[in-house]
């Protein structure tokens, strides 16, 4: 996530500024949604009074006990972030297909074989 924010977004030759901005905002919102889910997931489990078990060999106990109101809020945030992420991924796939079918740029090829 940090690398993506630092690397920026290359402007594709022939792409309008509006389309470039939509793609850039979409990428940033996808990354932000992933970060929100990474934070809300453990909060949801811990505030439910449970430890996070990693493959049954490591258990990470919560820093505080069960707090039902926090668990409900974290669940709400996590669920809606997942739905938003699903919609954004579908939108992203549609954009990739648009480049593949309707443009003669190398965007789709660069997704599969990134340059240096």
C-alpha atoms as a PDB file:
ATOM      1  CA  UNK A   1       0.000   0.000   0.000  1.00  0.00           C
ATOM      2  CA  UNK A   2       2.797   2.389   0.890  1.00  0.00           C
ATOM      3  CA  UNK A   3       4.657   1.546  -2.323  1.00  0.00           C
ATOM      4  CA  UNK A   4       1.554   2.246  -4.430  1.00  0.00           C
ATOM      5  CA  UNK A   5       1.110   5.666  -2.850  1.00  0.00           C
ATOM      6  CA  UNK A   6       4.783   6.504  -3.326  1.00  0.00           C
ATOM      7  CA  UNK A   7       5.094   5.156  -6.880  1.00  0.00           C
ATOM      8  CA  UNK A   8       2.318   7.332  -8.294  1.00  0.00           C
ATOM      9  CA  UNK A   9       0.319   6.650 -11.424  1.00  0.00           C
ATOM     10  CA  UNK A  10       1.783   6.925 -14.907  1.00  0.00           C
ATOM     11  CA  UNK A  11      -0.252   8.897 -17.403  1.00  0.00           C
ATOM     12  CA  UNK A  12      -0.980   6.782 -20.466  1.00  0.00           C
ATOM     13  CA  UNK A  13      -0.480   8.466 -23.829  1.00  0.00           C
ATOM     14  CA  UNK A  14      -3.843   9.262 -25.388  1.00  0.00           C
ATOM     15  CA  UNK A  15      -5.730   9.001 -22.108  1.00  0.00           C
ATOM     16  CA  UNK A  16      -7.847  11.974 -21.144  1.00  0.00           C
ATOM     17  CA  UNK A  17      -7.133  13.790 -17.906  1.00  0.00           C
ATOM     18  CA  UNK A  18     -10.602  12.881 -16.605  1.00  0.00           C
ATOM     19  CA  UNK A  19     -10.117   9.148 -17.191  1.00  0.00           C
ATOM     20  CA  UNK A  20      -6.667   9.337 -15.605  1.00  0.00           C
ATOM     21  CA  UNK A  21      -8.119  11.020 -12.518  1.00  0.00           C
ATOM     22  CA  UNK A  22     -10.942   8.456 -12.248  1.00  0.00           C
ATOM     23  CA  UNK A  23      -8.405   5.608 -12.439  1.00  0.00           C
ATOM     24  CA  UNK A  24      -6.155   7.278  -9.870  1.00  0.00           C
ATOM     25  CA  UNK A  25      -9.000   7.911  -7.418  1.00  0.00           C
ATOM     26  CA  UNK A  26     -10.272   4.346  -7.903  1.00  0.00           C
ATOM     27  CA  UNK A  27      -6.843   2.902  -7.082  1.00  0.00           C
ATOM     28  CA  UNK A  28      -6.507   5.074  -3.981  1.00  0.00           C
ATOM     29  CA  UNK A  29      -9.999   4.199  -2.725  1.00  0.00           C
ATOM     30  CA  UNK A  30      -9.277   0.468  -3.254  1.00  0.00           C
ATOM     31  CA  UNK A  31      -6.096   0.794  -1.183  1.00  0.00           C
ATOM     32  CA  UNK A  32      -7.850   2.824   1.498  1.00  0.00           C
ATOM     33  CA  UNK A  33     -10.638   0.239   1.655  1.00  0.00           C
ATOM     34  CA  UNK A  34      -8.100  -2.563   2.105  1.00  0.00           C
ATOM     35  CA  UNK A  35      -6.437  -0.645   4.951  1.00  0.00           C
ATOM     36  CA  UNK A  36      -9.817  -0.031   6.622  1.00  0.00           C
ATOM     37  CA  UNK A  37     -10.632  -3.744   6.369  1.00  0.00           C
ATOM     38  CA  UNK A  38      -7.221  -4.687   7.790  1.00  0.00           C
ATOM     39  CA  UNK A  39      -7.927  -2.472  10.798  1.00  0.00           C
ATOM     40  CA  UNK A  40     -11.624  -3.214  11.327  1.00  0.00           C
ATOM     41  CA  UNK A  41     -11.247  -7.004  11.109  1.00  0.00           C
ATOM     42  CA  UNK A  42      -9.042  -7.478  14.178  1.00  0.00           C
ATOM     43  CA  UNK A  43     -10.972  -4.791  16.080  1.00  0.00           C
ATOM     44  CA  UNK A  44     -14.185  -6.678  15.327  1.00  0.00           C
ATOM     45  CA  UNK A  45     -12.758  -9.976  16.615  1.00  0.00           C
ATOM     46  CA  UNK A  46     -11.078  -8.501  19.692  1.00  0.00           C
ATOM     47  CA  UNK A  47     -14.079  -6.407  20.727  1.00  0.00           C
ATOM     48  CA  UNK A  48     -16.144  -9.590  20.544  1.00  0.00           C
ATOM     49  CA  UNK A  49     -13.960 -10.962  23.335  1.00  0.00           C
ATOM     50  CA  UNK A  50     -12.024 -13.407  21.136  1.00  0.00           C
ATOM     51  CA  UNK A  51      -8.366 -13.841  20.297  1.00  0.00           C
ATOM     52  CA  UNK A  52      -7.154 -13.962  16.714  1.00  0.00           C
ATOM     53  CA  UNK A  53      -5.896 -17.454  15.906  1.00  0.00           C
ATOM     54  CA  UNK A  54      -3.313 -17.828  13.158  1.00  0.00           C
ATOM     55  CA  UNK A  55      -3.476 -21.345  11.701  1.00  0.00           C
ATOM     56  CA  UNK A  56      -4.033 -22.764  15.167  1.00  0.00           C
ATOM     57  CA  UNK A  57      -0.399 -22.272  16.214  1.00  0.00           C
ATOM     58  CA  UNK A  58      -0.450 -18.622  17.303  1.00  0.00           C
ATOM     59  CA  UNK A  59      -3.091 -16.747  19.228  1.00  0.00           C
ATOM     60  CA  UNK A  60      -3.156 -12.943  19.489  1.00  0.00           C
ATOM     61  CA  UNK A  61      -5.304 -11.847  22.425  1.00  0.00           C
ATOM     62  CA  UNK A  62      -7.207  -8.583  22.283  1.00  0.00           C
ATOM     63  CA  UNK A  63      -5.838  -5.514  24.050  1.00  0.00           C
ATOM     64  CA  UNK A  64      -9.222  -4.949  25.762  1.00  0.00           C
ATOM     65  CA  UNK A  65     -12.157  -7.118  26.694  1.00  0.00           C
ATOM     66  CA  UNK A  66     -15.463  -7.539  24.921  1.00  0.00           C
ATOM     67  CA  UNK A  67     -17.212  -4.281  24.011  1.00  0.00           C
ATOM     68  CA  UNK A  68     -20.408  -4.997  22.076  1.00  0.00           C
ATOM     69  CA  UNK A  69     -20.919  -1.466  20.706  1.00  0.00           C
ATOM     70  CA  UNK A  70     -17.382  -1.400  19.273  1.00  0.00           C
ATOM     71  CA  UNK A  71     -17.845  -4.883  17.791  1.00  0.00           C
ATOM     72  CA  UNK A  72     -21.087  -3.837  16.074  1.00  0.00           C
ATOM     73  CA  UNK A  73     -19.502  -0.665  14.661  1.00  0.00           C
ATOM     74  CA  UNK A  74     -16.393  -2.548  13.469  1.00  0.00           C
ATOM     75  CA  UNK A  75     -18.632  -5.185  11.863  1.00  0.00           C
ATOM     76  CA  UNK A  76     -20.624  -2.446  10.084  1.00  0.00           C
ATOM     77  CA  UNK A  77     -17.432  -0.782   8.802  1.00  0.00           C
ATOM     78  CA  UNK A  78     -15.866  -4.107   7.783  1.00  0.00           C
ATOM     79  CA  UNK A  79     -18.987  -5.341   5.966  1.00  0.00           C
ATOM     80  CA  UNK A  80     -19.531  -2.102   4.061  1.00  0.00           C
ATOM     81  CA  UNK A  81     -15.846  -1.847   3.194  1.00  0.00           C
ATOM     82  CA  UNK A  82     -16.007  -5.359   1.756  1.00  0.00           C
ATOM     83  CA  UNK A  83     -19.007  -4.407  -0.382  1.00  0.00           C
ATOM     84  CA  UNK A  84     -17.281  -1.237  -1.561  1.00  0.00           C
ATOM     85  CA  UNK A  85     -14.140  -3.217  -2.360  1.00  0.00           C
ATOM     86  CA  UNK A  86     -16.169  -5.696  -4.396  1.00  0.00           C
ATOM     87  CA  UNK A  87     -17.749  -2.887  -6.428  1.00  0.00           C
ATOM     88  CA  UNK A  88     -14.393  -1.189  -6.962  1.00  0.00           C
ATOM     89  CA  UNK A  89     -12.740  -4.428  -8.081  1.00  0.00           C
ATOM     90  CA  UNK A  90     -15.539  -4.978 -10.609  1.00  0.00           C
ATOM     91  CA  UNK A  91     -15.114  -1.373 -11.798  1.00  0.00           C
ATOM     92  CA  UNK A  92     -11.358  -1.950 -12.058  1.00  0.00           C
ATOM     93  CA  UNK A  93     -11.876  -5.132 -14.090  1.00  0.00           C
ATOM     94  CA  UNK A  94     -14.234  -3.231 -16.400  1.00  0.00           C
ATOM     95  CA  UNK A  95     -11.538  -0.583 -16.884  1.00  0.00           C
ATOM     96  CA  UNK A  96      -8.948  -3.239 -17.704  1.00  0.00           C
ATOM     97  CA  UNK A  97     -11.327  -4.833 -20.222  1.00  0.00           C
ATOM     98  CA  UNK A  98     -11.964  -1.393 -21.732  1.00  0.00           C
ATOM     99  CA  UNK A  99      -8.242  -0.985 -22.319  1.00  0.00           C
ATOM    100  CA  UNK A 100      -7.989  -4.472 -23.771  1.00  0.00           C
ATOM    101  CA  UNK A 101     -10.924  -4.170 -26.173  1.00  0.00           C
ATOM    102  CA  UNK A 102     -11.215  -0.518 -27.141  1.00  0.00           C
ATOM    103  CA  UNK A 103      -7.762   1.050 -26.890  1.00  0.00           C
ATOM    104  CA  UNK A 104      -4.564   0.371 -28.707  1.00  0.00           C
ATOM    105  CA  UNK A 105      -2.366   1.169 -25.714  1.00  0.00           C
ATOM    106  CA  UNK A 106      -0.204  -1.314 -23.850  1.00  0.00           C
ATOM    107  CA  UNK A 107      -1.980  -0.997 -20.492  1.00  0.00           C
ATOM    108  CA  UNK A 108      -3.229  -4.570 -20.371  1.00  0.00           C
ATOM    109  CA  UNK A 109       0.154  -5.970 -21.420  1.00  0.00           C
ATOM    110  CA  UNK A 110       1.874  -3.859 -18.706  1.00  0.00           C
ATOM    111  CA  UNK A 111      -0.463  -5.386 -16.094  1.00  0.00           C
ATOM    112  CA  UNK A 112       0.717  -8.873 -17.031  1.00  0.00           C
ATOM    113  CA  UNK A 113       4.377  -8.070 -17.746  1.00  0.00           C
ATOM    114  CA  UNK A 114       5.319  -4.890 -15.889  1.00  0.00           C
ATOM    115  CA  UNK A 115       8.226  -2.920 -17.244  1.00  0.00           C
ATOM    116  CA  UNK A 116      11.284  -1.862 -15.363  1.00  0.00           C
END
